[in-house]
């Protein structure tokens, strides 16, 4: 059942013919201030894995020489380019501000390119002996249809007052800015509905780490 906190797999993952457990593809999503970055730092340190942040991948696929880059320049015009040939984020944002219809067209170019990039990295990781887990993180994984690609989707949850405190203390956000960002993201109900597992990151980090370890023990030799 989706969205249950602290649940673990019903059975141990099968061992493949070469003696390895099949690599697990896991999506990490959640609202702003939930602590996704801290969780990924822990996983990176303690597990044999590859981790990709969708925002960083989106920047990568827009670099000069890529098909995504050529399509974006054809759509937006060469006046969005910097002197070094890269797409200027500010100029692109300005064009979107003046023509909101561009956003949907840009997403239709960038999102498939990001997925293709990740699938290629997934295939590559699957051939490597030291990779048991493959993670992709983004706030928009559910909206972008990654539920059909990953083996399981994790929702990183934290109570709203906790998230607000983190964003205020760690990023210096005003209450107004925090509210605006939260209102633009999926509701807790929607996050839970679109996820297979929930990590409650409202309390002490050790409690969060325990949930992670319990969930992953069936898919790694650590377990």
C-alpha atoms as a PDB file:
ATOM      1  CA  UNK A   1       0.000   0.000   0.000  1.00  0.00           C
ATOM      2  CA  UNK A   2       1.374   3.424  -0.896  1.00  0.00           C
ATOM      3  CA  UNK A   3       2.283   6.065   1.641  1.00  0.00           C
ATOM      4  CA  UNK A   4       2.814   3.917   4.749  1.00  0.00           C
ATOM      5  CA  UNK A   5       5.518   5.166   7.078  1.00  0.00           C
ATOM      6  CA  UNK A   6       8.116   2.637   8.174  1.00  0.00           C
ATOM      7  CA  UNK A   7       6.979  -0.299   6.056  1.00  0.00           C
ATOM      8  CA  UNK A   8       9.558  -2.737   4.710  1.00  0.00           C
ATOM      9  CA  UNK A   9       9.479  -5.051   1.675  1.00  0.00           C
ATOM     10  CA  UNK A  10       7.467  -8.238   2.132  1.00  0.00           C
ATOM     11  CA  UNK A  11      10.303 -10.447   0.951  1.00  0.00           C
ATOM     12  CA  UNK A  12      14.003 -10.304   0.333  1.00  0.00           C
ATOM     13  CA  UNK A  13      15.063  -9.263  -3.151  1.00  0.00           C
ATOM     14  CA  UNK A  14      16.071 -12.187  -5.320  1.00  0.00           C
ATOM     15  CA  UNK A  15      19.717 -12.730  -6.129  1.00  0.00           C
ATOM     16  CA  UNK A  16      20.552 -12.609  -9.822  1.00  0.00           C
ATOM     17  CA  UNK A  17      22.387 -15.337 -11.683  1.00  0.00           C
ATOM     18  CA  UNK A  18      25.727 -13.593 -11.239  1.00  0.00           C
ATOM     19  CA  UNK A  19      25.326 -13.589  -7.453  1.00  0.00           C
ATOM     20  CA  UNK A  20      24.281  -9.934  -7.202  1.00  0.00           C
ATOM     21  CA  UNK A  21      21.004  -8.527  -6.018  1.00  0.00           C
ATOM     22  CA  UNK A  22      19.242  -6.636  -8.820  1.00  0.00           C
ATOM     23  CA  UNK A  23      19.990  -2.907  -8.737  1.00  0.00           C
ATOM     24  CA  UNK A  24      17.062  -0.912  -7.332  1.00  0.00           C
ATOM     25  CA  UNK A  25      15.918   2.301  -9.056  1.00  0.00           C
ATOM     26  CA  UNK A  26      14.429   4.661  -6.463  1.00  0.00           C
ATOM     27  CA  UNK A  27      12.876   8.104  -6.851  1.00  0.00           C
ATOM     28  CA  UNK A  28      13.234  10.625  -4.024  1.00  0.00           C
ATOM     29  CA  UNK A  29      10.657  13.410  -3.836  1.00  0.00           C
ATOM     30  CA  UNK A  30       9.047  15.695  -1.283  1.00  0.00           C
ATOM     31  CA  UNK A  31       8.230  19.285  -0.487  1.00  0.00           C
ATOM     32  CA  UNK A  32      10.663  22.096   0.167  1.00  0.00           C
ATOM     33  CA  UNK A  33      12.344  21.873   3.568  1.00  0.00           C
ATOM     34  CA  UNK A  34      11.626  18.160   4.009  1.00  0.00           C
ATOM     35  CA  UNK A  35      15.328  17.336   4.149  1.00  0.00           C
ATOM     36  CA  UNK A  36      15.882  15.426   0.906  1.00  0.00           C
ATOM     37  CA  UNK A  37      19.493  16.610   0.629  1.00  0.00           C
ATOM     38  CA  UNK A  38      20.421  15.369   4.113  1.00  0.00           C
ATOM     39  CA  UNK A  39      18.895  11.974   3.371  1.00  0.00           C
ATOM     40  CA  UNK A  40      20.808  11.677   0.112  1.00  0.00           C
ATOM     41  CA  UNK A  41      24.061  12.598   1.852  1.00  0.00           C
ATOM     42  CA  UNK A  42      23.508   9.736   4.290  1.00  0.00           C
ATOM     43  CA  UNK A  43      22.683   7.275   1.518  1.00  0.00           C
ATOM     44  CA  UNK A  44      25.697   8.374  -0.521  1.00  0.00           C
ATOM     45  CA  UNK A  45      27.976   7.773   2.459  1.00  0.00           C
ATOM     46  CA  UNK A  46      26.606   4.384   3.537  1.00  0.00           C
ATOM     47  CA  UNK A  47      25.455   2.584   0.393  1.00  0.00           C
ATOM     48  CA  UNK A  48      26.831   1.458  -2.969  1.00  0.00           C
ATOM     49  CA  UNK A  49      24.821   3.780  -5.144  1.00  0.00           C
ATOM     50  CA  UNK A  50      24.577   6.394  -7.831  1.00  0.00           C
ATOM     51  CA  UNK A  51      22.588   9.554  -7.103  1.00  0.00           C
ATOM     52  CA  UNK A  52      21.374  12.075  -9.650  1.00  0.00           C
ATOM     53  CA  UNK A  53      19.583  15.356  -8.954  1.00  0.00           C
ATOM     54  CA  UNK A  54      17.111  16.136 -11.721  1.00  0.00           C
ATOM     55  CA  UNK A  55      17.856  19.874 -11.532  1.00  0.00           C
ATOM     56  CA  UNK A  56      21.555  19.223 -12.148  1.00  0.00           C
ATOM     57  CA  UNK A  57      20.768  16.815 -14.970  1.00  0.00           C
ATOM     58  CA  UNK A  58      18.502  19.454 -16.553  1.00  0.00           C
ATOM     59  CA  UNK A  59      21.472  21.831 -16.582  1.00  0.00           C
ATOM     60  CA  UNK A  60      23.672  19.127 -18.102  1.00  0.00           C
ATOM     61  CA  UNK A  61      21.331  18.313 -20.990  1.00  0.00           C
ATOM     62  CA  UNK A  62      21.072  22.003 -21.906  1.00  0.00           C
ATOM     63  CA  UNK A  63      24.798  22.384 -22.523  1.00  0.00           C
ATOM     64  CA  UNK A  64      26.035  23.320 -26.023  1.00  0.00           C
ATOM     65  CA  UNK A  65      26.275  20.391 -28.394  1.00  0.00           C
ATOM     66  CA  UNK A  66      23.285  18.464 -27.058  1.00  0.00           C
ATOM     67  CA  UNK A  67      20.054  17.882 -28.960  1.00  0.00           C
ATOM     68  CA  UNK A  68      18.148  19.566 -26.127  1.00  0.00           C
ATOM     69  CA  UNK A  69      20.338  22.673 -26.465  1.00  0.00           C
ATOM     70  CA  UNK A  70      19.740  22.905 -30.205  1.00  0.00           C
ATOM     71  CA  UNK A  71      15.974  22.573 -29.778  1.00  0.00           C
ATOM     72  CA  UNK A  72      15.869  25.234 -27.074  1.00  0.00           C
ATOM     73  CA  UNK A  73      17.909  27.697 -29.117  1.00  0.00           C
ATOM     74  CA  UNK A  74      15.656  27.071 -32.103  1.00  0.00           C
ATOM     75  CA  UNK A  75      12.629  27.788 -29.902  1.00  0.00           C
ATOM     76  CA  UNK A  76      13.951  30.767 -27.949  1.00  0.00           C
ATOM     77  CA  UNK A  77      16.380  32.374 -30.371  1.00  0.00           C
ATOM     78  CA  UNK A  78      20.117  32.976 -30.143  1.00  0.00           C
ATOM     79  CA  UNK A  79      19.605  36.113 -28.078  1.00  0.00           C
ATOM     80  CA  UNK A  80      19.231  33.881 -24.979  1.00  0.00           C
ATOM     81  CA  UNK A  81      22.863  32.772 -25.265  1.00  0.00           C
ATOM     82  CA  UNK A  82      25.788  33.953 -23.193  1.00  0.00           C
ATOM     83  CA  UNK A  83      29.104  34.888 -24.763  1.00  0.00           C
ATOM     84  CA  UNK A  84      30.390  31.355 -24.177  1.00  0.00           C
ATOM     85  CA  UNK A  85      27.436  29.910 -26.064  1.00  0.00           C
ATOM     86  CA  UNK A  86      25.566  28.554 -23.055  1.00  0.00           C
ATOM     87  CA  UNK A  87      21.911  29.343 -22.442  1.00  0.00           C
ATOM     88  CA  UNK A  88      21.526  32.266 -20.038  1.00  0.00           C
ATOM     89  CA  UNK A  89      19.019  31.275 -17.336  1.00  0.00           C
ATOM     90  CA  UNK A  90      17.985  34.861 -16.703  1.00  0.00           C
ATOM     91  CA  UNK A  91      17.313  35.600 -20.356  1.00  0.00           C
ATOM     92  CA  UNK A  92      15.339  32.385 -20.729  1.00  0.00           C
ATOM     93  CA  UNK A  93      13.314  33.237 -17.616  1.00  0.00           C
ATOM     94  CA  UNK A  94      12.607  36.692 -19.021  1.00  0.00           C
ATOM     95  CA  UNK A  95      11.241  35.197 -22.230  1.00  0.00           C
ATOM     96  CA  UNK A  96       9.012  32.856 -20.241  1.00  0.00           C
ATOM     97  CA  UNK A  97       7.764  35.785 -18.140  1.00  0.00           C
ATOM     98  CA  UNK A  98       6.748  37.632 -21.308  1.00  0.00           C
ATOM     99  CA  UNK A  99       5.215  34.524 -22.924  1.00  0.00           C
ATOM    100  CA  UNK A 100       3.933  31.894 -20.490  1.00  0.00           C
ATOM    101  CA  UNK A 101       3.173  29.481 -23.339  1.00  0.00           C
ATOM    102  CA  UNK A 102       6.922  28.985 -23.733  1.00  0.00           C
ATOM    103  CA  UNK A 103       7.176  27.195 -20.409  1.00  0.00           C
ATOM    104  CA  UNK A 104       5.165  24.211 -21.595  1.00  0.00           C
ATOM    105  CA  UNK A 105       7.202  24.039 -24.808  1.00  0.00           C
ATOM    106  CA  UNK A 106      10.479  24.208 -22.897  1.00  0.00           C
ATOM    107  CA  UNK A 107       9.373  21.479 -20.502  1.00  0.00           C
ATOM    108  CA  UNK A 108       8.371  19.328 -23.477  1.00  0.00           C
ATOM    109  CA  UNK A 109      11.984  19.555 -24.655  1.00  0.00           C
ATOM    110  CA  UNK A 110      13.871  19.362 -21.349  1.00  0.00           C
ATOM    111  CA  UNK A 111      11.909  16.708 -19.436  1.00  0.00           C
ATOM    112  CA  UNK A 112      12.277  13.950 -22.060  1.00  0.00           C
ATOM    113  CA  UNK A 113      15.984  14.801 -22.391  1.00  0.00           C
ATOM    114  CA  UNK A 114      16.436  14.468 -18.627  1.00  0.00           C
ATOM    115  CA  UNK A 115      14.654  11.104 -18.612  1.00  0.00           C
ATOM    116  CA  UNK A 116      16.763   9.817 -21.493  1.00  0.00           C
ATOM    117  CA  UNK A 117      19.953  10.939 -19.761  1.00  0.00           C
ATOM    118  CA  UNK A 118      18.946   9.174 -16.559  1.00  0.00           C
ATOM    119  CA  UNK A 119      17.953   5.969 -18.354  1.00  0.00           C
ATOM    120  CA  UNK A 120      21.358   5.892 -20.037  1.00  0.00           C
ATOM    121  CA  UNK A 121      23.073   6.376 -16.681  1.00  0.00           C
ATOM    122  CA  UNK A 122      20.826   3.691 -15.187  1.00  0.00           C
ATOM    123  CA  UNK A 123      21.853   1.207 -17.863  1.00  0.00           C
ATOM    124  CA  UNK A 124      25.503   2.090 -17.325  1.00  0.00           C
ATOM    125  CA  UNK A 125      25.204   1.718 -13.543  1.00  0.00           C
ATOM    126  CA  UNK A 126      23.552  -1.666 -13.980  1.00  0.00           C
ATOM    127  CA  UNK A 127      26.757  -2.950 -15.574  1.00  0.00           C
ATOM    128  CA  UNK A 128      28.945  -1.773 -12.705  1.00  0.00           C
ATOM    129  CA  UNK A 129      29.752  -4.261  -9.953  1.00  0.00           C
ATOM    130  CA  UNK A 130      29.814  -1.672  -7.171  1.00  0.00           C
ATOM    131  CA  UNK A 131      26.304  -0.229  -7.662  1.00  0.00           C
ATOM    132  CA  UNK A 132      23.329  -1.661  -5.790  1.00  0.00           C
ATOM    133  CA  UNK A 133      21.049   1.373  -5.755  1.00  0.00           C
ATOM    134  CA  UNK A 134      20.264   4.105  -8.270  1.00  0.00           C
ATOM    135  CA  UNK A 135      18.529   7.268  -7.032  1.00  0.00           C
ATOM    136  CA  UNK A 136      17.019  10.261  -8.776  1.00  0.00           C
ATOM    137  CA  UNK A 137      15.800  13.246  -6.760  1.00  0.00           C
ATOM    138  CA  UNK A 138      13.391  16.025  -7.698  1.00  0.00           C
ATOM    139  CA  UNK A 139      10.372  17.789  -6.245  1.00  0.00           C
ATOM    140  CA  UNK A 140       8.478  17.129  -9.501  1.00  0.00           C
ATOM    141  CA  UNK A 141       9.112  13.411  -9.992  1.00  0.00           C
ATOM    142  CA  UNK A 142       5.464  12.461  -9.564  1.00  0.00           C
ATOM    143  CA  UNK A 143       4.165  15.203 -11.862  1.00  0.00           C
ATOM    144  CA  UNK A 144       6.724  14.266 -14.526  1.00  0.00           C
ATOM    145  CA  UNK A 145       5.665  10.627 -14.619  1.00  0.00           C
ATOM    146  CA  UNK A 146       8.684   9.024 -12.983  1.00  0.00           C
ATOM    147  CA  UNK A 147       6.420   6.665 -11.092  1.00  0.00           C
ATOM    148  CA  UNK A 148       6.309   4.567 -14.272  1.00  0.00           C
ATOM    149  CA  UNK A 149      10.119   4.423 -14.487  1.00  0.00           C
ATOM    150  CA  UNK A 150      11.333   3.800 -10.936  1.00  0.00           C
ATOM    151  CA  UNK A 151      11.057   0.574  -8.965  1.00  0.00           C
ATOM    152  CA  UNK A 152       9.677   2.609  -6.095  1.00  0.00           C
ATOM    153  CA  UNK A 153       9.011   6.222  -5.209  1.00  0.00           C
ATOM    154  CA  UNK A 154       9.967   7.627  -1.790  1.00  0.00           C
ATOM    155  CA  UNK A 155       8.178  10.615  -0.317  1.00  0.00           C
ATOM    156  CA  UNK A 156      10.361  12.492   2.166  1.00  0.00           C
ATOM    157  CA  UNK A 157       7.876  13.900   4.652  1.00  0.00           C
ATOM    158  CA  UNK A 158       8.287  16.415   7.465  1.00  0.00           C
ATOM    159  CA  UNK A 159       5.609  18.245   9.407  1.00  0.00           C
ATOM    160  CA  UNK A 160       4.935  21.738   8.068  1.00  0.00           C
ATOM    161  CA  UNK A 161       6.116  23.626  11.197  1.00  0.00           C
ATOM    162  CA  UNK A 162       9.408  21.700  11.002  1.00  0.00           C
ATOM    163  CA  UNK A 163       9.837  22.542   7.342  1.00  0.00           C
ATOM    164  CA  UNK A 164       9.065  26.202   7.953  1.00  0.00           C
ATOM    165  CA  UNK A 165      11.616  26.400  10.754  1.00  0.00           C
ATOM    166  CA  UNK A 166      14.314  24.782   8.616  1.00  0.00           C
ATOM    167  CA  UNK A 167      13.686  27.105   5.689  1.00  0.00           C
ATOM    168  CA  UNK A 168      13.669  30.159   7.927  1.00  0.00           C
ATOM    169  CA  UNK A 169      16.823  29.250   9.851  1.00  0.00           C
ATOM    170  CA  UNK A 170      18.870  27.539   7.132  1.00  0.00           C
ATOM    171  CA  UNK A 171      17.923  29.541   4.043  1.00  0.00           C
ATOM    172  CA  UNK A 172      16.675  32.792   5.546  1.00  0.00           C
ATOM    173  CA  UNK A 173      13.315  32.561   3.768  1.00  0.00           C
ATOM    174  CA  UNK A 174      10.469  34.799   4.906  1.00  0.00           C
ATOM    175  CA  UNK A 175       7.169  33.249   5.950  1.00  0.00           C
ATOM    176  CA  UNK A 176       5.578  34.733   2.837  1.00  0.00           C
ATOM    177  CA  UNK A 177       8.152  33.144   0.541  1.00  0.00           C
ATOM    178  CA  UNK A 178       7.827  29.786   2.300  1.00  0.00           C
ATOM    179  CA  UNK A 179       4.050  29.852   1.894  1.00  0.00           C
ATOM    180  CA  UNK A 180       4.316  30.729  -1.791  1.00  0.00           C
ATOM    181  CA  UNK A 181       6.695  27.835  -2.484  1.00  0.00           C
ATOM    182  CA  UNK A 182       4.637  25.332  -0.497  1.00  0.00           C
ATOM    183  CA  UNK A 183       1.404  26.338  -2.208  1.00  0.00           C
ATOM    184  CA  UNK A 184       3.021  25.767  -5.613  1.00  0.00           C
ATOM    185  CA  UNK A 185       4.003  22.190  -4.740  1.00  0.00           C
ATOM    186  CA  UNK A 186       1.929  19.035  -4.427  1.00  0.00           C
ATOM    187  CA  UNK A 187      -0.161  18.577  -1.309  1.00  0.00           C
ATOM    188  CA  UNK A 188       0.834  15.990   1.272  1.00  0.00           C
ATOM    189  CA  UNK A 189      -2.095  13.835   0.130  1.00  0.00           C
ATOM    190  CA  UNK A 190      -0.897  13.940  -3.499  1.00  0.00           C
ATOM    191  CA  UNK A 191       2.695  13.130  -2.521  1.00  0.00           C
ATOM    192  CA  UNK A 192       1.527  10.126  -0.509  1.00  0.00           C
ATOM    193  CA  UNK A 193      -0.804   8.915  -3.234  1.00  0.00           C
ATOM    194  CA  UNK A 194       2.000   8.999  -5.793  1.00  0.00           C
ATOM    195  CA  UNK A 195       4.586   7.287  -3.593  1.00  0.00           C
ATOM    196  CA  UNK A 196       5.338   3.736  -2.492  1.00  0.00           C
ATOM    197  CA  UNK A 197       7.138   4.547   0.743  1.00  0.00           C
ATOM    198  CA  UNK A 198       7.264   7.453   3.175  1.00  0.00           C
ATOM    199  CA  UNK A 199      10.295   8.552   5.168  1.00  0.00           C
ATOM    200  CA  UNK A 200       9.240  10.659   8.162  1.00  0.00           C
ATOM    201  CA  UNK A 201      12.037  13.199   8.558  1.00  0.00           C
ATOM    202  CA  UNK A 202      10.299  15.347  11.167  1.00  0.00           C
ATOM    203  CA  UNK A 203      12.387  14.226  14.146  1.00  0.00           C
ATOM    204  CA  UNK A 204      15.946  13.244  14.954  1.00  0.00           C
ATOM    205  CA  UNK A 205      18.148  12.211  12.054  1.00  0.00           C
ATOM    206  CA  UNK A 206      18.953   8.870  13.683  1.00  0.00           C
ATOM    207  CA  UNK A 207      15.258   8.009  13.473  1.00  0.00           C
ATOM    208  CA  UNK A 208      15.300   8.877   9.782  1.00  0.00           C
ATOM    209  CA  UNK A 209      18.430   6.796   9.171  1.00  0.00           C
ATOM    210  CA  UNK A 210      16.781   3.798  10.825  1.00  0.00           C
ATOM    211  CA  UNK A 211      13.825   4.035   8.433  1.00  0.00           C
ATOM    212  CA  UNK A 212      16.181   4.187   5.457  1.00  0.00           C
ATOM    213  CA  UNK A 213      18.215   1.196   6.625  1.00  0.00           C
ATOM    214  CA  UNK A 214      15.115  -0.913   7.222  1.00  0.00           C
ATOM    215  CA  UNK A 215      13.772  -0.127   3.771  1.00  0.00           C
ATOM    216  CA  UNK A 216      17.005  -0.864   1.948  1.00  0.00           C
ATOM    217  CA  UNK A 217      18.140  -3.980   3.782  1.00  0.00           C
ATOM    218  CA  UNK A 218      16.392  -6.306   1.318  1.00  0.00           C
ATOM    219  CA  UNK A 219      18.096  -4.714  -1.669  1.00  0.00           C
ATOM    220  CA  UNK A 220      21.710  -4.510  -0.516  1.00  0.00           C
ATOM    221  CA  UNK A 221      24.374  -6.802   0.840  1.00  0.00           C
ATOM    222  CA  UNK A 222      24.430  -4.570   3.897  1.00  0.00           C
ATOM    223  CA  UNK A 223      21.091  -6.207   4.790  1.00  0.00           C
END
